[in-house]
Protein backbone atom coordinates (compact mmCIF):
# COMPACT_ATOMS: atom_id res chain seq x y z
CA MET A 1 119.98 131.56 101.87
CA GLN A 2 115.99 130.52 100.67
CA HIS A 3 116.29 127.96 97.41
CA ASN A 4 113.41 128.05 95.28
CA THR A 5 112.76 125.10 93.56
CA ASP A 6 112.03 125.22 89.61
CA MET A 7 108.25 125.07 89.73
CA TYR A 8 105.96 124.16 86.91
CA PHE A 9 101.87 124.55 86.93
CA SER A 10 99.75 122.32 85.28
CA PHE A 11 97.06 123.58 82.61
CA PHE A 12 94.95 120.84 83.52
CA MET A 13 93.84 123.69 86.11
CA PHE A 14 91.95 125.05 82.71
CA GLY A 15 91.20 122.32 80.61
CA SER A 16 91.87 117.89 80.15
CA ASN A 17 93.21 118.97 77.26
CA PHE A 18 95.77 121.64 75.21
CA SER A 19 93.40 122.68 72.54
CA ILE A 20 95.87 123.99 69.64
CA GLU A 21 93.41 124.29 67.56
CA ASP A 22 91.17 126.56 69.22
CA ASP A 23 92.72 130.57 68.95
CA ALA A 24 90.58 131.36 71.73
CA PHE A 25 91.96 128.90 73.98
CA LEU A 26 95.38 130.11 72.81
CA ASP A 27 94.73 133.46 73.42
CA GLN A 28 93.79 132.17 76.88
CA ALA A 29 96.68 130.02 77.48
CA MET A 30 99.07 133.71 77.32
CA THR A 31 97.26 135.29 79.87
CA HIS A 32 97.49 131.96 82.01
CA ILE A 33 101.06 132.22 81.48
CA ARG A 34 101.59 135.94 82.01
CA ARG A 35 99.53 135.49 85.00
CA LEU A 36 101.42 132.57 86.87
CA VAL A 37 104.56 133.34 85.84
CA GLU A 38 104.17 136.86 87.66
CA MET A 39 103.17 134.48 90.69
CA GLY A 40 106.85 133.04 90.48
CA TYR A 41 105.99 129.68 88.01
CA THR A 42 109.01 128.90 85.89
CA GLY A 43 107.64 126.61 83.46
CA PHE A 44 104.24 124.36 82.41
CA GLU A 45 102.84 121.42 81.91
CA PHE A 46 100.71 121.00 78.53
CA HIS A 47 98.51 118.29 78.08
CA PRO A 48 98.52 117.77 74.08
CA GLY A 49 96.51 115.30 73.29
CA ARG A 50 94.55 114.34 69.99
CA GLU A 51 91.15 115.56 69.99
CA ASP A 52 88.72 114.87 67.60
CA THR A 53 88.65 118.57 66.77
CA THR A 54 92.74 118.63 66.93
CA ALA A 55 92.64 115.84 64.54
CA TYR A 56 90.22 117.43 61.90
CA ALA A 57 92.20 120.36 62.39
CA PHE A 58 95.33 119.30 61.76
CA SER A 59 94.77 116.06 59.57
CA THR A 60 98.74 115.05 60.13
CA TYR A 61 100.85 114.82 62.72
CA GLU A 62 103.32 117.31 60.98
CA ALA A 63 100.32 119.69 60.71
CA GLU A 64 99.37 119.83 64.43
CA LEU A 65 103.46 119.82 65.10
CA ASN A 66 103.64 123.33 63.53
CA ALA A 67 100.96 124.56 65.17
CA TYR A 68 102.70 123.82 68.39
CA LYS A 69 106.17 125.30 66.91
CA ALA A 70 103.69 128.58 66.22
CA PHE A 71 103.08 128.75 69.85
CA ARG A 72 106.05 128.57 70.96
CA LYS A 73 107.50 131.30 68.71
CA ARG A 74 104.14 133.30 70.26
CA MET A 75 105.41 132.71 73.72
CA ASP A 76 108.62 133.61 73.28
CA GLU A 77 107.75 137.12 71.22
CA GLU A 78 105.34 138.12 74.14
CA GLY A 79 108.46 138.00 76.25
CA PHE A 80 108.24 134.16 77.72
CA ALA A 81 111.20 132.76 76.10
CA HIS A 82 112.86 131.86 79.47
CA ILE A 83 109.80 129.54 80.72
CA LYS A 84 109.70 125.95 80.30
CA VAL A 85 107.48 123.08 79.36
CA ALA A 86 107.02 119.81 80.12
CA THR A 87 104.19 117.37 77.98
CA ASN A 88 101.45 114.98 79.90
CA VAL A 89 100.95 112.33 77.28
CA GLY A 90 98.52 109.19 77.77
CA ALA A 91 98.47 106.18 75.67
CA THR A 92 94.85 105.48 74.36
CA THR A 93 92.86 102.85 73.05
CA GLN A 94 93.36 103.13 69.51
CA CYS A 95 96.99 104.39 70.03
CA ASP A 96 98.48 101.45 72.55
CA PRO A 97 102.21 100.53 72.51
CA SER A 98 101.18 97.75 74.63
CA SER A 99 98.45 96.15 72.31
CA ALA A 100 98.85 92.58 71.13
CA ASP A 101 97.49 94.05 67.71
CA PRO A 102 100.64 94.76 65.41
CA ALA A 103 98.80 97.65 63.79
CA VAL A 104 97.34 99.50 67.06
CA ARG A 105 100.73 98.85 68.78
CA ARG A 106 102.61 100.40 66.00
CA ALA A 107 99.86 103.30 65.94
CA GLY A 108 100.64 103.86 69.57
CA ILE A 109 104.43 104.23 69.15
CA GLU A 110 103.59 107.13 65.95
CA TYR A 111 101.76 108.71 68.55
CA LEU A 112 104.00 108.67 71.26
CA LYS A 113 106.65 109.53 68.60
CA SER A 114 104.35 112.43 67.11
CA ARG A 115 104.36 113.70 71.28
CA VAL A 116 107.78 113.44 71.74
CA ASP A 117 108.32 115.67 68.28
CA ILE A 118 105.57 118.16 69.88
CA THR A 119 107.61 118.03 73.06
CA ALA A 120 110.99 119.47 71.77
CA ALA A 121 109.22 122.00 69.80
CA LEU A 122 108.05 123.32 72.83
CA GLY A 123 111.65 123.31 74.28
CA GLY A 124 110.56 120.72 76.72
CA GLU A 125 112.89 118.08 77.98
CA ILE A 126 110.17 115.93 79.88
CA MET A 127 107.48 114.03 78.44
CA MET A 128 105.57 112.18 81.09
CA GLY A 129 102.54 110.66 81.95
CA PRO A 130 100.89 107.28 81.78
CA MET A 131 101.91 106.04 78.30
CA VAL A 132 102.11 102.00 78.85
CA ILE A 133 98.50 101.17 79.31
CA PRO A 134 96.02 103.92 78.06
CA TYR A 135 94.72 105.88 81.04
CA GLY A 136 91.15 104.61 81.96
CA GLY A 137 91.71 101.52 79.75
CA PHE A 138 90.30 99.09 81.98
CA VAL A 139 90.51 95.12 80.75
CA PHE A 140 87.18 93.39 79.71
CA LYS A 141 86.74 89.52 78.57
CA ALA A 142 84.47 88.52 75.37
CA PRO A 143 81.86 87.87 74.66
CA ASN A 144 79.95 89.19 78.08
CA GLY A 145 82.27 92.20 78.41
CA GLU A 146 82.85 91.10 81.97
CA ALA A 147 85.66 93.24 84.03
CA VAL A 148 88.56 91.59 84.54
CA TRP A 149 90.23 92.21 88.35
CA SER A 150 92.90 90.56 90.53
CA ASP A 151 95.12 87.76 89.70
CA ASP A 152 93.23 87.39 86.20
CA LEU A 153 93.91 91.39 85.47
CA GLN A 154 97.67 91.13 86.94
CA ASP A 155 98.06 87.67 84.51
CA GLU A 156 96.77 89.87 81.46
CA LEU A 157 98.98 93.14 82.05
CA ALA A 158 102.32 90.78 82.70
CA VAL A 159 101.92 89.80 78.88
CA ARG A 160 101.25 93.45 78.44
CA TYR A 161 103.81 94.73 80.04
CA LYS A 162 106.14 92.56 78.28
CA THR A 163 104.97 93.62 74.60
CA ALA A 164 105.21 97.49 75.84
CA GLN A 165 108.82 97.17 76.68
CA GLN A 166 109.67 96.11 73.09
CA SER A 167 107.90 99.56 72.64
CA PHE A 168 109.55 101.65 74.56
CA ILE A 169 113.22 100.29 74.21
CA GLU A 170 112.23 102.14 70.15
CA LEU A 171 110.38 105.39 71.86
CA GLY A 172 113.52 105.82 74.15
CA GLN A 173 116.09 105.76 71.46
CA TYR A 174 113.93 108.25 69.36
CA ALA A 175 113.27 110.51 72.23
CA SER A 176 116.81 110.54 73.14
CA SER A 177 117.75 111.99 69.55
CA LYS A 178 115.47 114.86 70.55
CA GLY A 179 116.65 115.73 73.80
CA VAL A 180 113.16 114.64 75.38
CA LYS A 181 113.38 112.06 78.46
CA LEU A 182 110.01 109.74 78.95
CA ALA A 183 109.03 109.81 82.61
CA ILE A 184 106.12 107.19 83.09
CA GLU A 185 103.56 107.77 85.86
CA PRO A 186 102.06 104.82 87.90
CA ILE A 187 98.47 105.92 88.67
CA SER A 188 96.02 105.06 91.30
CA HIS A 189 93.70 101.78 90.63
CA TRP A 190 90.55 103.75 90.67
CA GLU A 191 91.70 105.68 87.61
CA THR A 192 93.49 103.29 85.47
CA PRO A 193 94.47 99.47 85.78
CA GLY A 194 98.35 99.75 85.82
CA PRO A 195 100.83 100.39 86.56
CA ASN A 196 99.12 101.22 89.78
CA LYS A 197 102.29 101.19 91.73
CA LEU A 198 105.88 102.24 92.09
CA ALA A 199 106.83 98.79 92.24
CA GLN A 200 104.98 97.66 89.61
CA LEU A 201 106.68 100.45 87.50
CA ILE A 202 110.25 99.70 88.14
CA SER A 203 109.43 96.13 87.29
CA PHE A 204 108.76 97.34 83.88
CA LEU A 205 111.18 99.44 83.80
CA ASP A 206 114.08 96.34 84.62
CA GLY A 207 113.32 95.01 81.35
CA ILE A 208 114.45 98.90 79.50
CA ASP A 209 118.10 99.32 79.57
CA ASP A 210 117.93 103.02 78.65
CA PRO A 211 117.63 105.41 81.28
CA THR A 212 115.87 107.72 78.96
CA VAL A 213 112.91 106.12 79.86
CA GLY A 214 112.16 106.93 83.56
CA VAL A 215 109.66 107.99 86.05
CA VAL A 216 107.62 110.59 87.44
CA LEU A 217 106.79 110.50 91.23
CA ASP A 218 103.18 112.20 91.66
CA SER A 219 102.24 112.53 95.49
CA ALA A 220 98.83 112.14 94.68
CA GLN A 221 99.30 108.67 93.19
CA GLU A 222 101.97 107.47 95.66
CA THR A 223 99.64 108.29 98.55
CA LEU A 224 96.70 106.69 97.49
CA ASP A 225 98.65 103.27 96.13
CA GLY A 226 102.15 103.14 97.38
CA ASP A 227 103.81 100.92 99.43
CA GLY A 228 104.71 103.22 102.74
CA PRO A 229 106.94 105.90 103.34
CA GLU A 230 110.19 103.06 104.07
CA VAL A 231 109.68 101.22 100.81
CA PHE A 232 108.67 104.23 99.03
CA ALA A 233 112.94 105.92 100.31
CA GLN A 234 114.05 102.83 99.14
CA GLN A 235 112.65 102.96 95.55
CA ILE A 236 113.63 106.45 94.99
CA ASN A 237 117.04 105.44 95.55
CA TYR A 238 116.92 102.80 93.22
CA ILE A 239 115.48 104.71 90.44
CA ALA A 240 117.28 107.68 91.15
CA ASP A 241 120.62 105.35 90.97
CA GLN A 242 119.79 104.61 87.66
CA GLY A 243 119.36 107.57 86.52
CA ARG A 244 115.38 107.50 85.96
CA LEU A 245 114.48 110.37 88.30
CA HIS A 246 113.15 112.33 85.64
CA TYR A 247 110.09 114.76 87.43
CA ALA A 248 107.68 114.96 90.17
CA GLN A 249 104.87 116.73 90.86
CA ALA A 250 102.55 118.21 94.23
CA SER A 251 99.26 116.75 93.97
CA PRO A 252 96.83 116.73 96.49
CA PRO A 253 95.06 113.05 96.75
CA ASP A 254 91.59 114.70 95.78
CA ARG A 255 92.88 116.54 93.48
CA GLY A 256 91.99 119.95 94.54
CA ASP A 257 93.48 122.67 96.61
CA LEU A 258 97.13 121.79 97.88
CA VAL A 259 96.99 123.73 100.65
CA THR A 260 93.50 121.66 102.77
CA CYS A 261 94.90 118.44 101.64
CA TRP A 262 96.22 115.02 103.89
CA LEU A 263 99.76 114.95 102.02
CA PRO A 264 102.34 113.49 103.64
CA TRP A 265 104.81 115.96 102.31
CA GLU A 266 108.09 115.43 104.53
CA GLU A 267 107.73 111.30 104.05
CA MET A 268 107.13 111.88 100.22
CA PHE A 269 109.86 114.85 99.16
CA THR A 270 112.10 114.39 101.74
CA PRO A 271 113.51 111.20 99.60
CA ILE A 272 112.54 112.65 96.26
CA LEU A 273 114.40 116.07 97.28
CA SER A 274 117.86 113.82 98.95
CA ARG A 275 118.38 112.68 95.07
CA PHE A 276 116.45 115.12 92.78
CA ASN A 277 117.08 118.64 91.98
CA GLY A 278 114.67 119.07 88.78
CA PRO A 279 111.26 121.06 88.63
CA ILE A 280 108.18 119.93 90.74
CA ALA A 281 105.37 120.73 88.97
CA VAL A 282 101.95 121.91 91.03
CA GLU A 283 99.17 119.80 89.43
CA ILE A 284 95.33 120.20 90.50
CA PHE A 285 92.80 119.22 88.16
CA ASN A 286 89.90 121.97 88.03
CA ALA A 287 86.07 120.73 87.21
CA VAL A 288 86.38 121.58 83.60
CA GLY A 289 86.03 119.31 80.58
CA ALA A 290 85.93 115.69 80.64
CA PHE A 291 87.28 115.34 84.14
CA ASP A 292 83.91 116.13 85.78
CA GLN A 293 82.96 112.61 85.07
CA GLY A 294 86.33 111.00 85.02
CA LEU A 295 87.39 111.91 88.00
CA ARG A 296 83.95 112.30 89.60
CA LEU A 297 84.86 115.73 90.83
CA THR A 298 82.10 116.67 93.40
CA ARG A 299 84.04 119.75 94.35
CA ARG A 300 82.96 123.43 92.95
CA LYS A 301 85.20 124.82 90.17
CA PHE A 302 87.60 126.95 90.85
CA TRP A 303 86.35 129.46 88.73
CA ILE A 304 88.73 130.70 85.74
CA PRO A 305 89.19 134.68 85.26
CA GLU A 306 88.10 136.15 81.99
CA VAL A 307 86.57 133.05 81.39
CA ASP A 308 83.81 132.25 83.81
CA GLN A 309 81.14 134.17 85.47
CA PRO A 310 82.61 135.46 89.04
CA ASN A 311 81.19 134.47 92.22
CA GLN A 312 82.41 133.94 95.80
CA TYR A 313 84.04 130.99 95.89
CA PRO A 314 87.82 130.66 94.90
CA ASP A 315 89.13 131.49 91.58
CA ALA A 316 91.44 129.45 90.19
CA TYR A 317 94.29 131.97 90.54
CA GLN A 318 93.98 132.26 93.94
CA ILE A 319 94.28 128.68 94.06
CA ALA A 320 97.54 128.42 92.34
CA LYS A 321 99.13 131.18 93.93
CA GLN A 322 98.33 129.67 97.29
CA ALA A 323 99.92 126.14 96.22
CA PHE A 324 102.80 128.40 94.95
CA ASP A 325 103.48 129.82 98.04
CA PHE A 326 102.35 126.63 100.17
CA THR A 327 104.51 123.94 98.14
CA GLN A 328 107.54 125.92 98.16
CA SER A 329 107.61 126.92 101.76
CA LYS A 330 107.22 122.91 102.32
CA LEU A 331 109.87 122.51 100.25
CA GLU A 332 112.04 124.97 101.50
CA ASN A 333 111.76 123.21 105.11
CA ILE A 334 112.70 119.88 104.36
CA ARG A 335 115.69 121.31 102.13
CA LYS A 336 116.94 122.72 105.26
CA ASN A 337 116.26 119.57 107.50
CA LEU A 338 118.30 117.47 104.43
CA ASN A 339 121.05 120.66 104.79
CA LEU A 340 121.20 120.41 108.30
CA ASN A 341 121.41 116.04 108.53
CA GLN A 342 123.79 116.35 106.29
CA CYS A 343 125.95 118.48 108.11
CA LYS A 344 125.40 116.22 111.44
């Protein structure tokens, strides 16, 4: 009997931020949800970043939270009460839980708490992302602004990880009280200074007893910066034994089409599926918003129906449907092999 994995779809296909202040964006979001649910998706990843436009529209976290509550109510009233939501959240340079500056560190804790509140208001149980060190927050030294790399960078990060551990002890307690798990993402050295490797994240988590603070596995990041399949399988068992394997993403290394990418499906998802029955998210970064320059996207945009002018290239819904069918097929074959091996 076929086992369909609970599969989410990342709204990074449609924008680099979930623009809760923009009524036109929210109308488009409902159209996207309707179309993607028809394809079989059972949940979504929203990125509730607090952009300048959001902060202008909602001067307080409470006002912003109320806007997300209203959008969840709209989802429910339009027939999507059964659809789940996870959030993708990153620390920022102004709100940094690893900062040596107590004010910036406290701002980081309060910001992440506000995103926990939003996650809970959306009915979500998972808040994931690069929450320890600000995404893209590479280290520069005064007074000449030279970039810090290699040994010097790792020495700097070791201090910041120790500081952030104390922040996440508090954040884990808060998230647990709201029914939310924190899934930290190791992200490639091309995009952020750390943690880049799952091994580095495990070392960070070893300083935090609460399993509420755990891991999201992103296939793109692990392919780029992981330690290989044998070590990866051991790492999955280690974090699963601790109850920290909270979430996983099927994402291509080039952040584009899952069907045509080079991804080691069996080596990546066999260890994950052997220990994890939760949702798998399809994460595709479209050439939209801040991603063009931030991720140096050279490929064409997957044009968005009812938003962009149609052209002869694949549209976002085509890519999403192909990704759903392809990923379900890959995961189903892996589950079958796991079951066969267990029966031997």
